C-alpha atoms as a PDB file:
ATOM      1  CA  MET A   1      38.212  59.810 -58.394  1.00  0.00           C
ATOM      2  CA  ASP A   2      41.273  58.485 -56.569  1.00  0.00           C
ATOM      3  CA  VAL A   3      44.957  58.441 -57.228  1.00  0.00           C
ATOM      4  CA  CYS A   4      45.777  55.784 -54.699  1.00  0.00           C
ATOM      5  CA  ARG A   5      48.017  55.744 -51.691  1.00  0.00           C
ATOM      6  CA  TYR A   6      50.102  58.645 -52.894  1.00  0.00           C
ATOM      7  CA  LEU A   7      46.836  60.504 -53.313  1.00  0.00           C
ATOM      8  CA  ILE A   8      45.264  58.933 -50.263  1.00  0.00           C
ATOM      9  CA  MET A   9      47.951  60.781 -48.338  1.00  0.00           C
ATOM     10  CA  TYR A  10      47.310  64.029 -50.219  1.00  0.00           C
ATOM     11  CA  TYR A  11      46.080  65.919 -47.209  1.00  0.00           C
ATOM     12  CA  PHE A  12      49.177  64.940 -45.209  1.00  0.00           C
ATOM     13  CA  MET A  13      51.690  66.021 -47.832  1.00  0.00           C
ATOM     14  CA  ALA A  14      51.957  69.108 -50.004  1.00  0.00           C
ATOM     15  CA  PHE A  15      53.629  67.200 -52.832  1.00  0.00           C
ATOM     16  CA  THR A  16      53.599  63.545 -53.832  1.00  0.00           C
ATOM     17  CA  PHE A  17      54.383  61.483 -56.872  1.00  0.00           C
ATOM     18  CA  PHE A  18      51.099  61.847 -58.796  1.00  0.00           C
ATOM     19  CA  LYS A  19      49.792  64.610 -56.531  1.00  0.00           C
ATOM     20  CA  VAL A  20      46.180  65.763 -56.692  1.00  0.00           C
ATOM     21  CA  ALA A  21      45.433  69.152 -58.138  1.00  0.00           C
ATOM     22  CA  ALA A  22      42.305  71.191 -57.506  1.00  0.00           C
ATOM     23  CA  CYS A  23      39.486  70.421 -59.935  1.00  0.00           C
ATOM     24  CA  ASN A  24      36.680  72.714 -60.986  1.00  0.00           C
ATOM     25  CA  GLU A  25      34.103  70.120 -62.019  1.00  0.00           C
ATOM     26  CA  VAL A  26      31.858  67.817 -60.007  1.00  0.00           C
ATOM     27  CA  SER A  27      31.526  64.022 -60.113  1.00  0.00           C
ATOM     28  CA  ILE A  28      34.214  61.547 -61.186  1.00  0.00           C
ATOM     29  CA  ILE A  29      35.404  64.611 -62.615  1.00  0.00           C
ATOM     30  CA  GLY A  30      32.800  65.192 -65.282  1.00  0.00           C
ATOM     31  CA  GLY A  31      31.208  61.757 -64.959  1.00  0.00           C
ATOM     32  CA  LYS A  32      27.660  60.657 -64.235  1.00  0.00           C
ATOM     33  CA  ASP A  33      25.815  58.493 -61.720  1.00  0.00           C
ATOM     34  CA  VAL A  34      25.876  54.753 -62.299  1.00  0.00           C
ATOM     35  CA  LYS A  35      22.291  53.550 -62.577  1.00  0.00           C
ATOM     36  CA  LYS A  36      22.740  49.810 -63.086  1.00  0.00           C
ATOM     37  CA  LYS A  37      23.921  47.770 -60.106  1.00  0.00           C
ATOM     38  CA  GLN A  38      27.592  46.744 -60.219  1.00  0.00           C
ATOM     39  CA  PRO A  39      27.706  43.790 -57.768  1.00  0.00           C
ATOM     40  CA  TRP A  40      31.465  43.269 -58.215  1.00  0.00           C
ATOM     41  CA  MET A  41      32.358  46.906 -57.491  1.00  0.00           C
ATOM     42  CA  VAL A  42      33.782  47.457 -54.016  1.00  0.00           C
ATOM     43  CA  SER A  43      34.755  50.370 -51.804  1.00  0.00           C
ATOM     44  CA  ILE A  44      37.893  49.713 -49.751  1.00  0.00           C
ATOM     45  CA  GLN A  45      37.508  51.631 -46.501  1.00  0.00           C
ATOM     46  CA  LYS A  46      39.587  52.561 -43.494  1.00  0.00           C
ATOM     47  CA  ASP A  47      37.535  53.042 -40.326  1.00  0.00           C
ATOM     48  CA  GLN A  48      34.478  52.901 -42.617  1.00  0.00           C
ATOM     49  CA  GLU A  49      35.678  55.825 -44.721  1.00  0.00           C
ATOM     50  CA  HIS A  50      36.255  55.332 -48.438  1.00  0.00           C
ATOM     51  CA  ARG A  51      39.862  55.158 -49.607  1.00  0.00           C
ATOM     52  CA  CYS A  52      39.999  53.145 -52.847  1.00  0.00           C
ATOM     53  CA  GLY A  53      37.957  51.199 -55.339  1.00  0.00           C
ATOM     54  CA  GLY A  54      38.330  47.532 -56.106  1.00  0.00           C
ATOM     55  CA  ILE A  55      36.871  44.639 -58.088  1.00  0.00           C
ATOM     56  CA  LEU A  56      35.476  41.392 -56.670  1.00  0.00           C
ATOM     57  CA  ILE A  57      36.998  38.742 -58.954  1.00  0.00           C
ATOM     58  CA  LYS A  58      36.284  35.671 -56.802  1.00  0.00           C
ATOM     59  CA  ASP A  59      33.946  35.089 -53.871  1.00  0.00           C
ATOM     60  CA  GLN A  60      36.775  35.861 -51.422  1.00  0.00           C
ATOM     61  CA  TRP A  61      39.139  37.972 -53.504  1.00  0.00           C
ATOM     62  CA  VAL A  62      39.299  41.646 -54.471  1.00  0.00           C
ATOM     63  CA  LEU A  63      41.589  43.074 -57.140  1.00  0.00           C
ATOM     64  CA  THR A  64      42.854  46.614 -56.548  1.00  0.00           C
ATOM     65  CA  ALA A  65      46.020  48.748 -56.697  1.00  0.00           C
ATOM     66  CA  ALA A  66      49.040  48.110 -54.458  1.00  0.00           C
ATOM     67  CA  CYS A  67      49.094  51.770 -53.449  1.00  0.00           C
ATOM     68  CA  CYS A  68      45.788  51.158 -51.639  1.00  0.00           C
ATOM     69  CA  LYS A  69      47.502  49.074 -48.949  1.00  0.00           C
ATOM     70  CA  GLU A  70      46.876  50.245 -45.378  1.00  0.00           C
ATOM     71  CA  LYS A  71      49.281  49.402 -42.562  1.00  0.00           C
ATOM     72  CA  ASN A  72      46.578  48.444 -40.075  1.00  0.00           C
ATOM     73  CA  MET A  73      44.464  45.723 -41.701  1.00  0.00           C
ATOM     74  CA  LYS A  74      42.136  45.582 -38.707  1.00  0.00           C
ATOM     75  CA  SER A  75      40.846  49.045 -39.615  1.00  0.00           C
ATOM     76  CA  VAL A  76      40.053  48.016 -43.201  1.00  0.00           C
ATOM     77  CA  THR A  77      36.698  46.755 -44.446  1.00  0.00           C
ATOM     78  CA  VAL A  78      35.262  46.267 -47.912  1.00  0.00           C
ATOM     79  CA  LEU A  79      31.796  47.460 -48.936  1.00  0.00           C
ATOM     80  CA  ILE A  80      30.482  45.294 -51.752  1.00  0.00           C
ATOM     81  CA  GLY A  81      28.085  45.948 -54.619  1.00  0.00           C
ATOM     82  CA  SER A  82      26.553  49.255 -53.579  1.00  0.00           C
ATOM     83  CA  LEU A  83      25.728  52.258 -55.735  1.00  0.00           C
ATOM     84  CA  SER A  84      25.814  54.471 -52.637  1.00  0.00           C
ATOM     85  CA  LEU A  85      28.429  54.532 -49.898  1.00  0.00           C
ATOM     86  CA  SER A  86      25.869  55.613 -47.321  1.00  0.00           C
ATOM     87  CA  LYS A  87      23.358  52.898 -48.200  1.00  0.00           C
ATOM     88  CA  GLY A  88      25.643  49.897 -48.576  1.00  0.00           C
ATOM     89  CA  THR A  89      24.852  46.849 -46.451  1.00  0.00           C
ATOM     90  CA  GLN A  90      27.305  44.086 -47.371  1.00  0.00           C
ATOM     91  CA  ARG A  91      30.500  44.855 -45.463  1.00  0.00           C
ATOM     92  CA  VAL A  92      33.298  42.371 -44.746  1.00  0.00           C
ATOM     93  CA  GLY A  93      36.723  42.468 -43.156  1.00  0.00           C
ATOM     94  CA  ILE A  94      39.982  41.370 -44.739  1.00  0.00           C
ATOM     95  CA  LEU A  95      42.524  38.685 -43.991  1.00  0.00           C
ATOM     96  CA  SER A  96      45.522  39.837 -45.971  1.00  0.00           C
ATOM     97  CA  TYR A  97      47.139  41.658 -48.862  1.00  0.00           C
ATOM     98  CA  ASP A  98      49.274  40.244 -51.627  1.00  0.00           C
ATOM     99  CA  TYR A  99      51.140  42.343 -54.181  1.00  0.00           C
ATOM    100  CA  PRO A 100      54.145  41.720 -56.472  1.00  0.00           C
ATOM    101  CA  LYS A 101      57.591  42.009 -54.942  1.00  0.00           C
ATOM    102  CA  THR A 102      58.432  44.102 -57.977  1.00  0.00           C
ATOM    103  CA  TYR A 103      55.902  46.804 -57.046  1.00  0.00           C
ATOM    104  CA  ASN A 104      57.637  50.178 -56.974  1.00  0.00           C
ATOM    105  CA  GLU A 105      55.838  53.075 -55.321  1.00  0.00           C
ATOM    106  CA  ARG A 106      57.954  55.661 -57.150  1.00  0.00           C
ATOM    107  CA  THR A 107      57.738  54.285 -60.699  1.00  0.00           C
ATOM    108  CA  LYS A 108      54.324  52.631 -60.205  1.00  0.00           C
ATOM    109  CA  GLN A 109      55.645  49.423 -61.716  1.00  0.00           C
ATOM    110  CA  ASP A 110      53.263  46.518 -60.980  1.00  0.00           C
ATOM    111  CA  ASP A 111      50.811  48.675 -59.009  1.00  0.00           C
ATOM    112  CA  ILE A 112      48.415  45.793 -58.448  1.00  0.00           C
ATOM    113  CA  MET A 113      47.197  43.955 -55.355  1.00  0.00           C
ATOM    114  CA  LEU A 114      44.901  41.151 -54.240  1.00  0.00           C
ATOM    115  CA  ILE A 115      42.930  41.384 -50.999  1.00  0.00           C
ATOM    116  CA  LYS A 116      41.662  38.210 -49.379  1.00  0.00           C
ATOM    117  CA  LEU A 117      38.388  38.759 -47.541  1.00  0.00           C
ATOM    118  CA  ASN A 118      37.745  37.163 -44.157  1.00  0.00           C
ATOM    119  CA  LYS A 119      34.843  35.187 -45.581  1.00  0.00           C
ATOM    120  CA  LYS A 120      33.284  34.203 -48.870  1.00  0.00           C
ATOM    121  CA  VAL A 121      30.553  36.530 -50.111  1.00  0.00           C
ATOM    122  CA  LYS A 122      27.505  35.983 -52.263  1.00  0.00           C
ATOM    123  CA  ALA A 123      27.814  38.450 -55.116  1.00  0.00           C
ATOM    124  CA  LYS A 124      28.364  38.340 -58.836  1.00  0.00           C
ATOM    125  CA  THR A 125      32.060  38.585 -59.646  1.00  0.00           C
ATOM    126  CA  LYS A 126      33.905  40.239 -62.530  1.00  0.00           C
ATOM    127  CA  LYS A 127      36.095  37.872 -64.533  1.00  0.00           C
ATOM    128  CA  ILE A 128      39.674  38.746 -65.286  1.00  0.00           C
ATOM    129  CA  PRO A 129      40.779  38.058 -68.867  1.00  0.00           C
ATOM    130  CA  LYS A 130      42.074  34.581 -69.664  1.00  0.00           C
ATOM    131  CA  LYS A 131      44.912  36.066 -71.661  1.00  0.00           C
ATOM    132  CA  GLU A 132      46.368  39.457 -72.490  1.00  0.00           C
ATOM    133  CA  LYS A 133      44.532  41.476 -75.097  1.00  0.00           C
ATOM    134  CA  ASP A 134      46.019  44.894 -75.685  1.00  0.00           C
ATOM    135  CA  VAL A 135      43.671  47.834 -76.155  1.00  0.00           C
ATOM    136  CA  PRO A 136      44.232  49.875 -79.337  1.00  0.00           C
ATOM    137  CA  PRO A 137      44.657  53.660 -78.968  1.00  0.00           C
ATOM    138  CA  GLY A 138      41.382  55.494 -79.443  1.00  0.00           C
ATOM    139  CA  THR A 139      39.299  52.708 -77.900  1.00  0.00           C
ATOM    140  CA  ASN A 140      36.403  54.001 -75.821  1.00  0.00           C
ATOM    141  CA  CYS A 141      36.360  52.534 -72.314  1.00  0.00           C
ATOM    142  CA  VAL A 142      34.636  53.219 -68.995  1.00  0.00           C
ATOM    143  CA  VAL A 143      36.186  53.916 -65.588  1.00  0.00           C
ATOM    144  CA  THR A 144      34.109  53.655 -62.415  1.00  0.00           C
ATOM    145  CA  GLY A 145      34.583  54.915 -58.867  1.00  0.00           C
ATOM    146  CA  TRP A 146      33.579  57.015 -55.876  1.00  0.00           C
ATOM    147  CA  GLY A 147      36.214  59.695 -56.393  1.00  0.00           C
ATOM    148  CA  THR A 148      35.926  63.170 -54.954  1.00  0.00           C
ATOM    149  CA  THR A 149      33.201  65.507 -56.226  1.00  0.00           C
ATOM    150  CA  ASN A 150      34.364  68.654 -54.455  1.00  0.00           C
ATOM    151  CA  SER A 151      37.533  70.466 -55.464  1.00  0.00           C
ATOM    152  CA  ASN A 152      37.508  72.292 -52.127  1.00  0.00           C
ATOM    153  CA  ASP A 153      37.523  69.048 -50.133  1.00  0.00           C
ATOM    154  CA  MET A 154      39.806  66.635 -51.910  1.00  0.00           C
ATOM    155  CA  ASN A 155      39.430  63.830 -49.349  1.00  0.00           C
ATOM    156  CA  GLU A 156      35.631  63.762 -49.627  1.00  0.00           C
ATOM    157  CA  PRO A 157      34.402  60.928 -51.881  1.00  0.00           C
ATOM    158  CA  SER A 158      31.243  60.891 -53.936  1.00  0.00           C
ATOM    159  CA  ASP A 159      28.412  59.107 -52.147  1.00  0.00           C
ATOM    160  CA  LYS A 160      27.068  57.896 -55.491  1.00  0.00           C
ATOM    161  CA  LEU A 161      29.101  55.608 -57.724  1.00  0.00           C
ATOM    162  CA  GLN A 162      30.289  57.473 -60.823  1.00  0.00           C
ATOM    163  CA  MET A 163      31.246  56.408 -64.325  1.00  0.00           C
ATOM    164  CA  LEU A 164      33.109  58.182 -67.106  1.00  0.00           C
ATOM    165  CA  GLU A 165      33.835  57.311 -70.709  1.00  0.00           C
ATOM    166  CA  VAL A 166      37.533  57.652 -71.472  1.00  0.00           C
ATOM    167  CA  SER A 167      39.709  57.141 -74.525  1.00  0.00           C
ATOM    168  CA  VAL A 168      42.852  54.992 -74.537  1.00  0.00           C
ATOM    169  CA  MET A 169      46.007  56.876 -75.476  1.00  0.00           C
ATOM    170  CA  ARG A 170      49.085  55.598 -77.264  1.00  0.00           C
ATOM    171  CA  ARG A 171      51.790  54.783 -74.703  1.00  0.00           C
ATOM    172  CA  GLU A 172      54.409  56.770 -76.591  1.00  0.00           C
ATOM    173  CA  ARG A 173      52.229  59.865 -76.496  1.00  0.00           C
ATOM    174  CA  CYS A 174      51.509  59.387 -72.798  1.00  0.00           C
ATOM    175  CA  ASN A 175      55.255  59.142 -72.115  1.00  0.00           C
ATOM    176  CA  ILE A 176      55.749  62.476 -73.869  1.00  0.00           C
ATOM    177  CA  TYR A 177      53.057  64.092 -71.726  1.00  0.00           C
ATOM    178  CA  TYR A 178      54.582  62.703 -68.535  1.00  0.00           C
ATOM    179  CA  LYS A 179      58.180  63.205 -69.716  1.00  0.00           C
ATOM    180  CA  ASP A 180      58.896  59.597 -68.743  1.00  0.00           C
ATOM    181  CA  ASP A 181      57.948  60.302 -65.113  1.00  0.00           C
ATOM    182  CA  PRO A 182      56.573  57.715 -64.740  1.00  0.00           C
ATOM    183  CA  VAL A 183      57.704  55.659 -67.719  1.00  0.00           C
ATOM    184  CA  ILE A 184      54.627  54.081 -69.290  1.00  0.00           C
ATOM    185  CA  THR A 185      55.505  50.438 -69.863  1.00  0.00           C
ATOM    186  CA  GLU A 186      53.725  47.639 -71.726  1.00  0.00           C
ATOM    187  CA  ASP A 187      52.215  46.664 -68.350  1.00  0.00           C
ATOM    188  CA  MET A 188      50.428  50.019 -68.108  1.00  0.00           C
ATOM    189  CA  LEU A 189      47.734  51.860 -70.031  1.00  0.00           C
ATOM    190  CA  CYS A 190      46.886  55.547 -70.325  1.00  0.00           C
ATOM    191  CA  ALA A 191      43.348  56.792 -70.830  1.00  0.00           C
ATOM    192  CA  GLY A 192      41.756  60.160 -70.300  1.00  0.00           C
ATOM    193  CA  GLY A 193      38.486  62.020 -70.586  1.00  0.00           C
ATOM    194  CA  LYS A 194      37.552  63.371 -73.970  1.00  0.00           C
ATOM    195  CA  GLN A 195      37.098  66.901 -72.676  1.00  0.00           C
ATOM    196  CA  ASP A 196      38.844  69.206 -70.232  1.00  0.00           C
ATOM    197  CA  ASN A 197      37.919  68.727 -66.584  1.00  0.00           C
ATOM    198  CA  THR A 198      37.076  65.065 -66.978  1.00  0.00           C
ATOM    199  CA  GLY A 199      39.017  62.220 -65.427  1.00  0.00           C
ATOM    200  CA  THR A 200      39.878  60.429 -62.208  1.00  0.00           C
ATOM    201  CA  CYS A 201      40.708  62.067 -58.905  1.00  0.00           C
ATOM    202  CA  TRP A 202      41.131  61.264 -55.194  1.00  0.00           C
ATOM    203  CA  GLY A 203      39.351  58.020 -54.218  1.00  0.00           C
ATOM    204  CA  ASP A 204      39.425  56.238 -57.584  1.00  0.00           C
ATOM    205  CA  SER A 205      42.630  54.212 -57.357  1.00  0.00           C
ATOM    206  CA  GLY A 206      42.058  50.483 -57.540  1.00  0.00           C
ATOM    207  CA  GLY A 207      38.852  50.867 -59.534  1.00  0.00           C
ATOM    208  CA  PRO A 208      38.153  49.114 -62.840  1.00  0.00           C
ATOM    209  CA  LEU A 209      38.808  50.164 -66.413  1.00  0.00           C
ATOM    210  CA  GLU A 210      36.422  48.289 -68.702  1.00  0.00           C
ATOM    211  CA  CYS A 211      36.483  48.190 -72.480  1.00  0.00           C
ATOM    212  CA  LYS A 212      33.467  46.602 -74.198  1.00  0.00           C
ATOM    213  CA  ASN A 213      32.410  45.340 -70.741  1.00  0.00           C
ATOM    214  CA  ASN A 214      35.718  43.486 -70.334  1.00  0.00           C
ATOM    215  CA  LEU A 215      38.019  44.265 -67.411  1.00  0.00           C
ATOM    216  CA  VAL A 216      41.343  45.459 -68.821  1.00  0.00           C
ATOM    217  CA  GLY A 217      42.972  47.539 -66.095  1.00  0.00           C
ATOM    218  CA  VAL A 218      43.038  49.023 -62.599  1.00  0.00           C
ATOM    219  CA  VAL A 219      43.302  52.738 -61.780  1.00  0.00           C
ATOM    220  CA  SER A 220      46.806  53.593 -60.603  1.00  0.00           C
ATOM    221  CA  GLY A 221      46.806  57.401 -60.686  1.00  0.00           C
ATOM    222  CA  SER A 222      47.366  60.710 -62.443  1.00  0.00           C
ATOM    223  CA  LYS A 223      49.304  63.866 -61.660  1.00  0.00           C
ATOM    224  CA  VAL A 224      46.276  66.143 -61.762  1.00  0.00           C
ATOM    225  CA  CYS A 225      42.509  65.820 -61.929  1.00  0.00           C
ATOM    226  CA  GLY A 226      40.729  66.265 -65.232  1.00  0.00           C
ATOM    227  CA  ASN A 227      43.636  67.342 -67.462  1.00  0.00           C
ATOM    228  CA  PRO A 228      43.742  65.559 -70.874  1.00  0.00           C
ATOM    229  CA  LYS A 229      47.519  66.131 -70.980  1.00  0.00           C
ATOM    230  CA  LYS A 230      47.926  64.289 -67.698  1.00  0.00           C
ATOM    231  CA  PRO A 231      45.728  61.245 -68.392  1.00  0.00           C
ATOM    232  CA  THR A 232      45.103  58.565 -65.824  1.00  0.00           C
ATOM    233  CA  VAL A 233      47.651  55.761 -65.704  1.00  0.00           C
ATOM    234  CA  TYR A 234      46.212  52.267 -65.311  1.00  0.00           C
ATOM    235  CA  THR A 235      47.828  48.992 -64.368  1.00  0.00           C
ATOM    236  CA  PHE A 236      47.159  46.915 -67.484  1.00  0.00           C
ATOM    237  CA  LEU A 237      46.056  43.304 -67.085  1.00  0.00           C
ATOM    238  CA  SER A 238      48.996  42.135 -69.140  1.00  0.00           C
ATOM    239  CA  LYS A 239      50.235  38.573 -69.506  1.00  0.00           C
ATOM    240  CA  ARG A 240      52.542  39.083 -66.490  1.00  0.00           C
ATOM    241  CA  HIS A 241      49.789  40.444 -64.296  1.00  0.00           C
ATOM    242  CA  ILE A 242      47.244  37.802 -65.294  1.00  0.00           C
ATOM    243  CA  LEU A 243      49.799  35.081 -64.536  1.00  0.00           C
ATOM    244  CA  TRP A 244      50.578  36.657 -61.156  1.00  0.00           C
ATOM    245  CA  ILE A 245      46.883  36.870 -60.222  1.00  0.00           C
ATOM    246  CA  ASN A 246      46.206  33.258 -61.179  1.00  0.00           C
ATOM    247  CA  ASN A 247      49.270  32.028 -59.297  1.00  0.00           C
ATOM    248  CA  ILE A 248      48.180  33.782 -56.097  1.00  0.00           C
ATOM    249  CA  LEU A 249      44.608  32.495 -56.395  1.00  0.00           C
ATOM    250  CA  LYS A 250      45.784  28.943 -57.025  1.00  0.00           C
ATOM    251  CA  LYS A 251      48.326  28.984 -54.219  1.00  0.00           C
ATOM    252  CA  LYS A 252      46.379  30.774 -51.506  1.00  0.00           C
ATOM    253  CA  SER A 253      42.651  30.304 -52.067  1.00  0.00           C
ATOM    254  CA  ASN A 254      42.488  27.337 -49.703  1.00  0.00           C
ATOM    255  CA  SER A 255      44.387  28.984 -46.867  1.00  0.00           C
ATOM    256  CA  THR A 256      42.619  30.982 -44.168  1.00  0.00           C
ATOM    257  CA  ALA A 257      45.420  33.534 -44.012  1.00  0.00           C
ATOM    258  CA  PHE A 258      48.823  34.286 -45.492  1.00  0.00           C
END
């Protein structure tokens, strides 16, 4: 799967913060095809090529990671509700991005973003939580995305939407694994595959983390693909982030652009 903008630029840079490492397994890394339609799941694309995942949370709004921002918005479209990138039919353009002023590309603080689409779409949306509900360590959750399936071609996404069961890790333990680089805060979560060679990779950033079918986080990134000691870091839908999302939606839903 993807590790966002810093991983989106993997093939332009030899090293990045959260760089991609070669993976030996196929799929999400070690995931399986999604069989049931996910109408709220979106592929954020540049020049009709997959870059990041995202979640349709309102009829004109997509939730994703801030590291998925592209400089040229005119080249960006969103493919909505498809299980296959090659067979998707509902494609829309975007009006604008909005992300917290506190977003820090280096530390990954507040790696969250809202995309306003250029029109309202008819598709089932995924609700964000009404209030923060922390996820206990050991909780089984599911991450979904079109991340790379080929370790020899890290910028090639999976055509079929993938899913993987992951386990939430205690933040303190995750900080030890990452040696506080980045520092895992209360506004982040860590979760990894239960076996070696399972996890997110290039193309998964911005995608959803769901626990008991509830949206709890957004893929931010990981330092390598499929290593349990370098679990994926997620932007947690904490009280701060939920408040930020609702403020943006309330303030800007009626405007045509911002």
